[in-house]
Amino acid sequence: MNTIAILGAGDLAATLARRIAEAQLARCVVMVDADEGRAKGKALDIAQSGPVEGFDARVEATATLEAVVAPDVVVIADPDDLADAVLLSTRGAERIARWLPAVGKATLLVAGPHPSPLIEAAVAKGFPRERVLGSAPVAAASALRRRLSAELQVEPREIVVTVLGLPPGQLVVPQAAVTVAGVPVEKVSASAFRRALASFNGRPAGPVALAAAALRVLRALDGSRTTLLPVVAQLDGEYGHRRVALAVPVRIRSGRIESVVEVALDPVDRVAFDNAADRRAAGQL
């Protein structure tokens, strides 16, 4: 990628900007925030660490997205005017409407913990649904893998999970899709899986985990090979729902969502997923 623009200058935006620069995922990372002084200060701090850390990506800052020339990806991180869930619900559609002309042909990635309202607003404004997605489910899946690894006393890399629904509050994890070293978790310890899921208790991920999740999705968007990841995406008939954005597994390649993968759900998970969809349709996070 040539340029990645990050909206915000808070902990999430700064952490993600640093991770992108360290990974040399883009030649230029631009932090965009109305408080340009704060954004420039954080950008300078990251840039000055480059010679120590061994990266030479440019890290810059500006006050408006319009000042960023032809970004490949625009990441919505933590702009001040969408700092919490209440502001997101009341101002999300308004802000998306202002940003989209400057987003242009870039892919739009929502890195915060509640991406659904922004994704739905973007699609409602005519933005292609295959070019807007939320990365928070990757962080949720990672947290669940960590908890399950502790229960089973195995390495997290040996565990595969997929998450659906509306994390973190209405997380749906099909047990049949969870494996430990290739073995279905129900054959290893179904009770450990239930304990790990119960201990997740609906708390959203922090800025470091969310930044790591966004970086993982950015790598997939930059790749020429298909990657399967759980993200928040707008549904258009998949799982029997339309016009709602929920966590689902998708295939990602070359800057876009190729397709939504429909996982077989047992009756209990089906009801939980439908409840999450109904909650989103009612405008709840």
Protein backbone atom coordinates (compact mmCIF):
# COMPACT_ATOMS: atom_id res chain seq x y z
CA MET A 1 0.00 0.00 0.00
CA ASN A 2 1.10 3.56 -0.60
CA THR A 3 -0.99 5.54 1.92
CA ILE A 4 -3.17 4.60 4.89
CA ALA A 5 -5.18 7.37 6.57
CA ILE A 6 -6.24 6.91 10.19
CA LEU A 7 -9.09 9.01 11.56
CA GLY A 8 -8.33 9.92 15.16
CA ALA A 9 -5.34 10.64 17.37
CA GLY A 10 -6.25 8.71 20.50
CA ASP A 11 -4.72 5.52 21.91
CA LEU A 12 -6.15 3.28 19.19
CA ALA A 13 -5.09 5.53 16.31
CA ALA A 14 -1.58 6.06 17.67
CA THR A 15 -1.06 2.37 18.43
CA LEU A 16 -2.26 1.38 14.97
CA ALA A 17 -0.14 4.02 13.25
CA ARG A 18 2.93 2.68 15.03
CA ARG A 19 2.11 -0.94 14.19
CA ILE A 20 1.59 -0.10 10.50
CA ALA A 21 4.85 1.83 10.35
CA GLU A 22 6.80 -0.92 12.12
CA ALA A 23 5.37 -3.52 9.73
CA GLN A 24 6.20 -1.30 6.73
CA LEU A 25 2.68 -2.04 5.51
CA ALA A 26 2.40 1.39 3.86
CA ARG A 27 4.87 3.95 2.64
CA CYS A 28 2.96 6.73 4.39
CA VAL A 29 0.66 6.71 7.42
CA VAL A 30 -1.40 9.85 7.99
CA MET A 31 -3.19 10.53 11.27
CA VAL A 32 -6.24 12.76 10.73
CA ASP A 33 -7.73 14.66 13.65
CA ALA A 34 -9.38 18.04 14.19
CA ASP A 35 -6.83 18.59 16.96
CA GLU A 36 -4.00 18.77 14.45
CA GLY A 37 -1.40 19.69 17.07
CA ARG A 38 -2.05 16.55 19.07
CA ALA A 39 -2.01 14.41 15.93
CA LYS A 40 1.26 15.95 14.73
CA GLY A 41 2.85 15.41 18.12
CA LYS A 42 2.00 11.71 18.14
CA ALA A 43 3.00 11.30 14.49
CA LEU A 44 6.38 12.91 15.18
CA ASP A 45 6.94 10.67 18.20
CA ILE A 46 6.29 7.56 16.10
CA ALA A 47 8.40 8.80 13.18
CA GLN A 48 11.35 9.58 15.45
CA SER A 49 11.34 6.00 16.73
CA GLY A 50 11.88 4.73 13.17
CA PRO A 51 15.70 4.78 13.17
CA VAL A 52 15.69 2.90 16.49
CA GLU A 53 13.07 0.35 15.46
CA GLY A 54 14.38 0.00 11.91
CA PHE A 55 11.48 1.32 9.84
CA ASP A 56 11.39 4.24 7.42
CA ALA A 57 7.67 4.62 6.65
CA ARG A 58 6.58 8.25 6.80
CA VAL A 59 4.19 9.10 9.63
CA GLU A 60 2.39 12.40 9.21
CA ALA A 61 -0.69 14.24 10.49
CA THR A 62 -3.32 16.61 9.19
CA ALA A 63 -6.60 18.14 10.34
CA THR A 64 -8.85 16.92 7.50
CA LEU A 65 -9.22 13.77 5.43
CA GLU A 66 -9.51 15.92 2.30
CA ALA A 67 -5.82 16.78 2.70
CA VAL A 68 -4.77 13.14 2.25
CA VAL A 69 -4.05 12.37 -1.41
CA ALA A 70 -5.53 9.11 -2.75
CA PRO A 71 -5.38 6.89 0.33
CA ASP A 72 -5.56 3.15 -0.28
CA VAL A 73 -7.37 2.53 3.02
CA VAL A 74 -9.12 4.90 5.42
CA VAL A 75 -9.30 3.56 8.97
CA ILE A 76 -11.85 4.99 11.39
CA ALA A 77 -10.11 4.65 14.76
CA ASP A 78 -11.01 7.11 17.52
CA PRO A 79 -11.87 10.60 16.23
CA ASP A 80 -12.98 12.84 19.11
CA ASP A 81 -16.49 13.38 17.79
CA LEU A 82 -17.20 9.64 17.92
CA ALA A 83 -15.45 9.00 21.20
CA ASP A 84 -18.13 6.82 22.79
CA ALA A 85 -21.11 4.66 21.94
CA VAL A 86 -23.66 7.41 22.50
CA LEU A 87 -21.93 9.79 20.09
CA LEU A 88 -21.51 6.95 17.61
CA SER A 89 -25.25 6.29 17.60
CA THR A 90 -26.23 9.95 17.25
CA ARG A 91 -23.54 11.26 14.92
CA GLY A 92 -22.27 8.23 13.04
CA ALA A 93 -24.36 8.66 9.89
CA GLU A 94 -23.66 12.38 9.77
CA ARG A 95 -19.89 11.88 10.01
CA ILE A 96 -19.89 9.09 7.41
CA ALA A 97 -21.72 11.37 4.98
CA ARG A 98 -18.97 13.97 5.39
CA TRP A 99 -16.09 11.50 5.10
CA LEU A 100 -17.20 9.42 2.11
CA PRO A 101 -16.39 11.96 -0.65
CA ALA A 102 -12.80 12.09 0.63
CA VAL A 103 -12.64 8.31 1.05
CA GLY A 104 -13.20 8.01 -2.70
CA LYS A 105 -12.10 4.62 -4.02
CA ALA A 106 -10.29 3.63 -0.83
CA THR A 107 -11.39 0.74 1.36
CA LEU A 108 -13.01 1.83 4.62
CA LEU A 109 -11.98 -0.09 7.75
CA VAL A 110 -13.67 0.60 11.09
CA ALA A 111 -11.21 -0.34 13.83
CA GLY A 112 -13.24 0.63 16.91
CA PRO A 113 -15.24 -1.74 19.12
CA HIS A 114 -18.66 -0.82 17.64
CA PRO A 115 -18.36 -0.76 13.84
CA SER A 116 -21.92 -1.74 12.85
CA PRO A 117 -23.57 1.73 12.85
CA LEU A 118 -20.82 3.25 10.71
CA ILE A 119 -20.80 0.36 8.23
CA GLU A 120 -24.57 0.47 7.83
CA ALA A 121 -24.48 4.25 7.37
CA ALA A 122 -21.75 3.99 4.72
CA VAL A 123 -23.67 1.39 2.71
CA ALA A 124 -26.89 3.40 3.06
CA LYS A 125 -25.02 6.35 1.52
CA GLY A 126 -24.10 4.22 -1.49
CA PHE A 127 -20.62 3.03 -0.47
CA PRO A 128 -19.95 -0.49 -1.86
CA ARG A 129 -20.50 -3.05 0.88
CA GLU A 130 -17.50 -5.08 -0.27
CA ARG A 131 -15.22 -2.14 0.56
CA VAL A 132 -16.33 -1.39 4.13
CA LEU A 133 -15.72 -3.70 7.10
CA GLY A 134 -14.98 -3.75 10.83
CA SER A 135 -12.00 -5.50 12.39
CA ALA A 136 -13.12 -5.80 16.05
CA PRO A 137 -14.25 -9.47 15.71
CA VAL A 138 -10.62 -10.46 15.06
CA ALA A 139 -9.79 -9.06 18.51
CA ALA A 140 -12.77 -10.86 20.04
CA ALA A 141 -11.69 -14.17 18.49
CA SER A 142 -8.15 -13.61 19.75
CA ALA A 143 -9.36 -12.95 23.30
CA LEU A 144 -11.48 -16.09 23.23
CA ARG A 145 -8.54 -18.16 21.95
CA ARG A 146 -6.43 -16.85 24.83
CA ARG A 147 -9.05 -17.77 27.41
CA LEU A 148 -9.61 -21.21 25.91
CA SER A 149 -5.87 -21.85 25.74
CA ALA A 150 -5.63 -21.13 29.47
CA GLU A 151 -8.49 -23.54 30.16
CA LEU A 152 -6.92 -26.32 28.08
CA GLN A 153 -3.27 -25.52 28.88
CA VAL A 154 -2.30 -25.39 25.20
CA GLU A 155 -0.75 -22.72 22.99
CA PRO A 156 -3.26 -20.18 21.55
CA ARG A 157 -1.92 -20.83 18.03
CA GLU A 158 -3.30 -24.39 18.26
CA ILE A 159 -6.86 -23.08 18.64
CA VAL A 160 -9.13 -22.01 15.77
CA VAL A 161 -12.40 -20.18 16.48
CA THR A 162 -14.80 -18.08 14.49
CA VAL A 163 -17.10 -15.47 15.99
CA LEU A 164 -20.43 -14.20 14.71
CA GLY A 165 -23.19 -11.91 15.87
CA LEU A 166 -22.68 -8.62 17.63
CA PRO A 167 -19.57 -8.82 19.81
CA PRO A 168 -18.81 -8.29 22.54
CA GLY A 169 -22.34 -8.20 23.97
CA GLN A 170 -24.03 -10.79 21.74
CA LEU A 171 -21.21 -13.04 20.64
CA VAL A 172 -22.10 -16.24 18.79
CA VAL A 173 -19.38 -18.91 18.67
CA PRO A 174 -20.44 -22.11 16.87
CA GLN A 175 -18.87 -24.93 18.90
CA ALA A 176 -18.67 -27.13 15.81
CA ALA A 177 -16.29 -24.60 14.24
CA VAL A 178 -13.86 -24.54 17.21
CA THR A 179 -10.84 -26.84 16.94
CA VAL A 180 -7.76 -27.56 19.06
CA ALA A 181 -4.82 -28.76 16.99
CA GLY A 182 -7.33 -29.79 14.36
CA VAL A 183 -9.53 -31.74 16.80
CA PRO A 184 -13.09 -30.49 17.48
CA VAL A 185 -13.17 -28.83 20.90
CA GLU A 186 -16.14 -30.98 21.94
CA LYS A 187 -13.82 -33.99 21.65
CA VAL A 188 -11.18 -32.29 23.82
CA SER A 189 -13.31 -30.58 26.50
CA ALA A 190 -16.73 -29.12 25.84
CA SER A 191 -16.87 -27.87 29.43
CA ALA A 192 -13.64 -25.90 28.97
CA PHE A 193 -15.14 -24.25 25.91
CA ARG A 194 -18.25 -23.28 27.87
CA ARG A 195 -16.17 -21.84 30.73
CA ALA A 196 -13.99 -19.84 28.34
CA LEU A 197 -17.03 -18.45 26.57
CA ALA A 198 -18.72 -17.54 29.87
CA SER A 199 -15.60 -15.76 31.11
CA PHE A 200 -15.52 -13.57 28.03
CA ASN A 201 -18.41 -11.64 29.70
CA GLY A 202 -18.98 -9.13 26.92
CA ARG A 203 -16.17 -6.69 27.59
CA PRO A 204 -14.83 -4.87 24.51
CA ALA A 205 -11.18 -5.19 23.58
CA GLY A 206 -8.72 -2.45 24.48
CA PRO A 207 -6.80 -0.25 22.04
CA VAL A 208 -3.76 -2.52 21.72
CA ALA A 209 -5.87 -5.58 20.85
CA LEU A 210 -8.06 -3.55 18.50
CA ALA A 211 -4.97 -2.15 16.76
CA ALA A 212 -3.55 -5.66 16.34
CA ALA A 213 -6.87 -6.81 14.87
CA ALA A 214 -6.97 -3.88 12.44
CA LEU A 215 -3.40 -4.61 11.36
CA ARG A 216 -4.35 -8.24 10.67
CA VAL A 217 -7.24 -7.12 8.46
CA LEU A 218 -5.04 -4.55 6.70
CA ARG A 219 -2.54 -7.31 5.87
CA ALA A 220 -5.38 -9.35 4.39
CA LEU A 221 -6.62 -6.39 2.36
CA ASP A 222 -3.11 -5.87 1.02
CA GLY A 223 -2.68 -9.49 0.00
CA SER A 224 -3.19 -11.08 -3.39
CA ARG A 225 -4.25 -14.40 -1.85
CA THR A 226 -7.62 -14.96 -0.22
CA THR A 227 -7.73 -14.76 3.59
CA LEU A 228 -10.62 -15.95 5.73
CA LEU A 229 -11.29 -13.75 8.77
CA PRO A 230 -14.22 -12.85 11.06
CA VAL A 231 -15.14 -9.20 10.47
CA VAL A 232 -18.22 -7.01 10.71
CA ALA A 233 -19.78 -6.80 7.26
CA GLN A 234 -23.08 -5.64 5.81
CA LEU A 235 -25.41 -8.55 5.10
CA ASP A 236 -27.47 -8.72 1.91
CA GLY A 237 -29.43 -11.92 2.29
CA GLU A 238 -26.71 -14.01 3.94
CA TYR A 239 -27.92 -15.79 7.07
CA GLY A 240 -31.41 -14.58 6.11
CA HIS A 241 -30.77 -10.92 6.98
CA ARG A 242 -30.37 -7.65 5.06
CA ARG A 243 -29.31 -4.09 5.86
CA VAL A 244 -27.58 -5.01 9.11
CA ALA A 245 -23.84 -5.25 9.76
CA LEU A 246 -22.82 -8.20 11.92
CA ALA A 247 -19.73 -10.26 12.65
CA VAL A 248 -19.42 -13.06 10.09
CA PRO A 249 -16.53 -14.93 8.48
CA VAL A 250 -15.59 -13.44 5.10
CA ARG A 251 -13.09 -14.01 2.34
CA ILE A 252 -10.82 -10.98 1.85
CA ARG A 253 -8.52 -10.30 -1.09
CA SER A 254 -7.01 -7.36 -2.95
CA GLY A 255 -8.61 -4.59 -0.92
CA ARG A 256 -12.15 -5.93 -0.69
CA ILE A 257 -14.51 -8.54 0.71
CA GLU A 258 -14.87 -11.30 -1.86
CA SER A 259 -17.78 -13.06 -0.17
CA VAL A 260 -19.50 -13.79 3.13
CA VAL A 261 -19.07 -17.37 4.35
CA GLU A 262 -22.24 -18.90 5.78
CA VAL A 263 -21.52 -21.23 8.71
CA ALA A 264 -24.04 -23.89 9.65
CA LEU A 265 -25.61 -22.91 12.99
CA ASP A 266 -27.34 -25.21 15.45
CA PRO A 267 -30.79 -24.08 16.67
CA VAL A 268 -29.44 -22.32 19.79
CA ASP A 269 -26.77 -20.41 17.85
CA ARG A 270 -29.30 -19.60 15.14
CA VAL A 271 -31.61 -17.96 17.67
CA ALA A 272 -28.69 -16.03 19.21
CA PHE A 273 -27.58 -14.80 15.77
CA ASP A 274 -31.10 -13.75 14.83
CA ASN A 275 -31.42 -11.90 18.15
CA ALA A 276 -28.20 -10.02 17.38
CA ALA A 277 -29.58 -9.10 13.95
CA ASP A 278 -32.83 -7.89 15.50
CA ARG A 279 -30.89 -5.81 17.99
CA ARG A 280 -28.95 -4.14 15.19
CA ALA A 281 -32.13 -3.56 13.19
CA ALA A 282 -33.45 -1.74 16.25
CA GLY A 283 -30.35 0.49 16.25
CA GLN A 284 -28.67 -1.02 19.29
CA LEU A 285 -24.89 -1.53 19.38
